Amino acid sequence: MSKWYVKSNTVERVISIRDSSPMDAAVAVFEDTNEFDIFDEYFYVDERGFRDYKNADSLTQVIKTQKVINQYHENERKKGMP
């Protein structure tokens, strides 16, 4: 089971998902947000702790927020299909 630290502006979550990728973790965190959460241009996903634009390194997965939103909508579309 992977433990991911996911950060985007005011959103900081630690999430554990079996057999997951950084994108899976970012989408799961996006699904768990509310209207008061503020996103950055990027999601920073790392197994070693929270990262942001100041301390991300080559092991940090940096994913554009729009890509996370698109993946979320794609997942929702697939759920609705028979």
N, C-alpha and C. Protein backbone atom coordinates (compact mmCIF):
# COMPACT_ATOMS: atom_id res chain seq x y z
N MET A 1 0.85 -1.17 0.00
CA MET A 1 0.00 0.00 0.00
C MET A 1 0.90 1.24 0.00
N SER A 2 0.60 2.15 -0.89
CA SER A 2 1.38 3.37 -1.01
C SER A 2 0.79 4.45 -0.12
N LYS A 3 1.67 5.19 0.54
CA LYS A 3 1.26 6.35 1.34
C LYS A 3 1.76 7.58 0.62
N TRP A 4 0.82 8.44 0.25
CA TRP A 4 1.16 9.63 -0.52
C TRP A 4 0.85 10.90 0.26
N TYR A 5 1.73 11.85 0.16
CA TYR A 5 1.51 13.20 0.70
C TYR A 5 1.17 14.08 -0.50
N VAL A 6 -0.02 14.66 -0.47
CA VAL A 6 -0.52 15.43 -1.61
C VAL A 6 -0.78 16.86 -1.16
N LYS A 7 -0.24 17.83 -1.92
CA LYS A 7 -0.40 19.24 -1.58
C LYS A 7 -0.69 20.05 -2.83
N SER A 8 -1.62 21.01 -2.68
CA SER A 8 -1.91 22.00 -3.70
C SER A 8 -2.52 23.20 -3.00
N ASN A 9 -1.73 24.25 -2.81
CA ASN A 9 -2.13 25.46 -2.10
C ASN A 9 -2.65 25.15 -0.71
N THR A 10 -3.95 25.35 -0.42
CA THR A 10 -4.46 25.11 0.94
C THR A 10 -4.76 23.64 1.21
N VAL A 11 -4.71 22.81 0.19
CA VAL A 11 -5.05 21.40 0.34
C VAL A 11 -3.79 20.60 0.70
N GLU A 12 -3.84 19.92 1.83
CA GLU A 12 -2.77 19.01 2.25
C GLU A 12 -3.42 17.76 2.81
N ARG A 13 -3.17 16.64 2.18
CA ARG A 13 -3.76 15.37 2.64
C ARG A 13 -2.70 14.27 2.56
N VAL A 14 -2.77 13.35 3.52
CA VAL A 14 -2.00 12.13 3.47
C VAL A 14 -2.99 11.03 3.14
N ILE A 15 -2.68 10.24 2.13
CA ILE A 15 -3.63 9.24 1.66
C ILE A 15 -2.90 7.93 1.38
N SER A 16 -3.54 6.84 1.75
CA SER A 16 -2.99 5.51 1.48
C SER A 16 -3.96 4.76 0.58
N ILE A 17 -3.45 4.32 -0.55
CA ILE A 17 -4.28 3.61 -1.52
C ILE A 17 -3.48 2.41 -2.03
N ARG A 18 -4.09 1.25 -2.04
CA ARG A 18 -3.43 0.05 -2.52
C ARG A 18 -3.20 0.15 -4.03
N ASP A 19 -2.00 -0.21 -4.46
CA ASP A 19 -1.62 -0.26 -5.89
C ASP A 19 -1.98 1.05 -6.61
N SER A 20 -1.51 2.17 -6.08
CA SER A 20 -1.89 3.44 -6.66
C SER A 20 -0.70 4.18 -7.27
N SER A 21 -1.02 5.08 -8.16
CA SER A 21 -0.03 5.95 -8.78
C SER A 21 -0.18 7.34 -8.16
N PRO A 22 0.77 8.22 -8.39
CA PRO A 22 0.62 9.60 -7.92
C PRO A 22 -0.66 10.26 -8.46
N MET A 23 -1.02 9.97 -9.70
CA MET A 23 -2.25 10.53 -10.27
C MET A 23 -3.48 10.01 -9.52
N ASP A 24 -3.49 8.72 -9.18
CA ASP A 24 -4.61 8.16 -8.41
C ASP A 24 -4.76 8.89 -7.08
N ALA A 25 -3.63 9.16 -6.43
CA ALA A 25 -3.65 9.86 -5.15
C ALA A 25 -4.17 11.28 -5.31
N ALA A 26 -3.71 11.99 -6.35
CA ALA A 26 -4.16 13.36 -6.58
C ALA A 26 -5.65 13.41 -6.86
N VAL A 27 -6.15 12.48 -7.66
CA VAL A 27 -7.58 12.44 -7.97
C VAL A 27 -8.39 12.12 -6.71
N ALA A 28 -7.92 11.20 -5.89
CA ALA A 28 -8.62 10.86 -4.65
C ALA A 28 -8.70 12.06 -3.72
N VAL A 29 -7.63 12.82 -3.63
CA VAL A 29 -7.63 14.03 -2.80
C VAL A 29 -8.58 15.06 -3.40
N PHE A 30 -8.57 15.22 -4.71
CA PHE A 30 -9.48 16.17 -5.38
C PHE A 30 -10.93 15.82 -5.07
N GLU A 31 -11.26 14.52 -5.09
CA GLU A 31 -12.63 14.07 -4.81
C GLU A 31 -13.04 14.42 -3.38
N ASP A 32 -12.07 14.55 -2.48
CA ASP A 32 -12.33 14.75 -1.06
C ASP A 32 -12.32 16.23 -0.65
N THR A 33 -12.31 17.13 -1.61
CA THR A 33 -12.23 18.55 -1.28
C THR A 33 -13.63 19.18 -1.23
N ASN A 34 -13.66 20.42 -0.76
CA ASN A 34 -14.93 21.15 -0.70
C ASN A 34 -14.75 22.53 -1.31
N GLU A 35 -15.80 23.33 -1.26
CA GLU A 35 -15.77 24.63 -1.93
C GLU A 35 -14.83 25.64 -1.27
N PHE A 36 -14.34 25.34 -0.08
CA PHE A 36 -13.44 26.26 0.62
C PHE A 36 -11.97 25.98 0.32
N ASP A 37 -11.68 24.85 -0.29
CA ASP A 37 -10.29 24.50 -0.64
C ASP A 37 -9.85 25.32 -1.86
N ILE A 38 -8.60 25.74 -1.83
CA ILE A 38 -8.03 26.52 -2.93
C ILE A 38 -6.89 25.71 -3.54
N PHE A 39 -6.91 25.58 -4.85
CA PHE A 39 -5.88 24.81 -5.55
C PHE A 39 -4.84 25.72 -6.18
N ASP A 40 -3.67 25.18 -6.30
CA ASP A 40 -2.56 25.79 -6.99
C ASP A 40 -2.64 25.38 -8.47
N GLU A 41 -1.70 25.80 -9.26
CA GLU A 41 -1.65 25.36 -10.65
C GLU A 41 -1.23 23.89 -10.74
N TYR A 42 -0.58 23.39 -9.68
CA TYR A 42 -0.06 22.03 -9.67
C TYR A 42 -0.43 21.30 -8.38
N PHE A 43 -0.49 19.97 -8.49
CA PHE A 43 -0.54 19.07 -7.33
C PHE A 43 0.87 18.52 -7.15
N TYR A 44 1.35 18.51 -5.93
CA TYR A 44 2.67 17.96 -5.60
C TYR A 44 2.43 16.68 -4.82
N VAL A 45 2.91 15.56 -5.34
CA VAL A 45 2.66 14.25 -4.74
C VAL A 45 4.00 13.59 -4.45
N ASP A 46 4.18 13.16 -3.19
CA ASP A 46 5.46 12.59 -2.79
C ASP A 46 5.22 11.56 -1.69
N GLU A 47 6.09 10.58 -1.59
CA GLU A 47 5.99 9.57 -0.54
C GLU A 47 6.81 9.95 0.69
N ARG A 48 7.55 11.06 0.62
CA ARG A 48 8.47 11.42 1.71
C ARG A 48 7.99 12.57 2.56
N GLY A 49 6.86 13.16 2.22
CA GLY A 49 6.35 14.30 2.97
C GLY A 49 5.77 15.34 2.02
N PHE A 50 5.17 16.37 2.59
CA PHE A 50 4.56 17.41 1.77
C PHE A 50 5.62 18.22 1.03
N ARG A 51 5.35 18.51 -0.23
CA ARG A 51 6.24 19.31 -1.07
C ARG A 51 5.42 20.42 -1.72
N ASP A 52 6.12 21.46 -2.14
CA ASP A 52 5.49 22.52 -2.91
C ASP A 52 6.53 23.07 -3.88
N TYR A 53 6.23 24.19 -4.51
CA TYR A 53 7.14 24.71 -5.53
C TYR A 53 8.51 25.07 -4.97
N LYS A 54 8.61 25.31 -3.67
CA LYS A 54 9.90 25.68 -3.07
C LYS A 54 10.79 24.49 -2.75
N ASN A 55 10.19 23.34 -2.42
CA ASN A 55 11.03 22.22 -1.99
C ASN A 55 10.80 20.92 -2.77
N ALA A 56 10.09 20.99 -3.88
CA ALA A 56 9.93 19.80 -4.73
C ALA A 56 11.28 19.47 -5.36
N ASP A 57 11.53 18.19 -5.54
CA ASP A 57 12.77 17.77 -6.18
C ASP A 57 12.46 16.77 -7.28
N SER A 58 13.46 16.10 -7.77
CA SER A 58 13.28 15.19 -8.91
C SER A 58 12.43 13.97 -8.58
N LEU A 59 12.25 13.65 -7.30
CA LEU A 59 11.42 12.51 -6.91
C LEU A 59 9.96 12.90 -6.66
N THR A 60 9.69 14.19 -6.60
CA THR A 60 8.33 14.68 -6.40
C THR A 60 7.58 14.64 -7.72
N GLN A 61 6.39 14.08 -7.69
CA GLN A 61 5.54 14.07 -8.88
C GLN A 61 4.76 15.39 -8.91
N VAL A 62 4.96 16.17 -9.94
CA VAL A 62 4.27 17.45 -10.10
C VAL A 62 3.27 17.27 -11.23
N ILE A 63 1.99 17.41 -10.89
CA ILE A 63 0.91 17.16 -11.85
C ILE A 63 0.07 18.42 -11.99
N LYS A 64 -0.16 18.86 -13.21
CA LYS A 64 -0.99 20.04 -13.43
C LYS A 64 -2.40 19.79 -12.89
N THR A 65 -2.93 20.78 -12.21
CA THR A 65 -4.26 20.66 -11.62
C THR A 65 -5.31 20.36 -12.68
N GLN A 66 -5.21 20.98 -13.84
CA GLN A 66 -6.18 20.72 -14.90
C GLN A 66 -6.17 19.26 -15.33
N LYS A 67 -5.00 18.64 -15.32
CA LYS A 67 -4.89 17.23 -15.68
C LYS A 67 -5.59 16.35 -14.63
N VAL A 68 -5.46 16.72 -13.36
CA VAL A 68 -6.14 16.00 -12.28
C VAL A 68 -7.66 16.13 -12.44
N ILE A 69 -8.12 17.34 -12.73
CA ILE A 69 -9.56 17.56 -12.92
C ILE A 69 -10.07 16.77 -14.12
N ASN A 70 -9.32 16.77 -15.21
CA ASN A 70 -9.72 16.00 -16.39
C ASN A 70 -9.81 14.51 -16.07
N GLN A 71 -8.84 13.99 -15.31
CA GLN A 71 -8.85 12.57 -14.94
C GLN A 71 -10.04 12.26 -14.04
N TYR A 72 -10.34 13.17 -13.12
CA TYR A 72 -11.51 13.01 -12.25
C TYR A 72 -12.78 12.87 -13.09
N HIS A 73 -12.96 13.78 -14.06
CA HIS A 73 -14.16 13.74 -14.91
C HIS A 73 -14.19 12.47 -15.77
N GLU A 74 -13.04 12.04 -16.23
CA GLU A 74 -12.97 10.79 -17.01
C GLU A 74 -13.38 9.60 -16.14
N ASN A 75 -12.92 9.57 -14.90
CA ASN A 75 -13.29 8.49 -13.98
C ASN A 75 -14.79 8.50 -13.72
N GLU A 76 -15.35 9.70 -13.53
CA GLU A 76 -16.79 9.82 -13.30
C GLU A 76 -17.58 9.36 -14.52
N ARG A 77 -17.10 9.69 -15.70
CA ARG A 77 -17.77 9.27 -16.93
C ARG A 77 -17.77 7.75 -17.04
N LYS A 78 -16.64 7.13 -16.71
CA LYS A 78 -16.53 5.67 -16.78
C LYS A 78 -17.44 5.00 -15.76
N LYS A 79 -17.62 5.61 -14.59
CA LYS A 79 -18.51 5.04 -13.57
C LYS A 79 -19.95 5.01 -14.06
N GLY A 80 -20.32 6.00 -14.86
CA GLY A 80 -21.68 6.08 -15.36
C GLY A 80 -21.99 5.16 -16.52
N MET A 81 -20.96 4.53 -17.08
CA MET A 81 -21.16 3.65 -18.23
C MET A 81 -21.54 2.24 -17.75
N PRO A 82 -22.46 1.58 -18.45
CA PRO A 82 -22.84 0.21 -18.06
C PRO A 82 -21.76 -0.80 -18.37
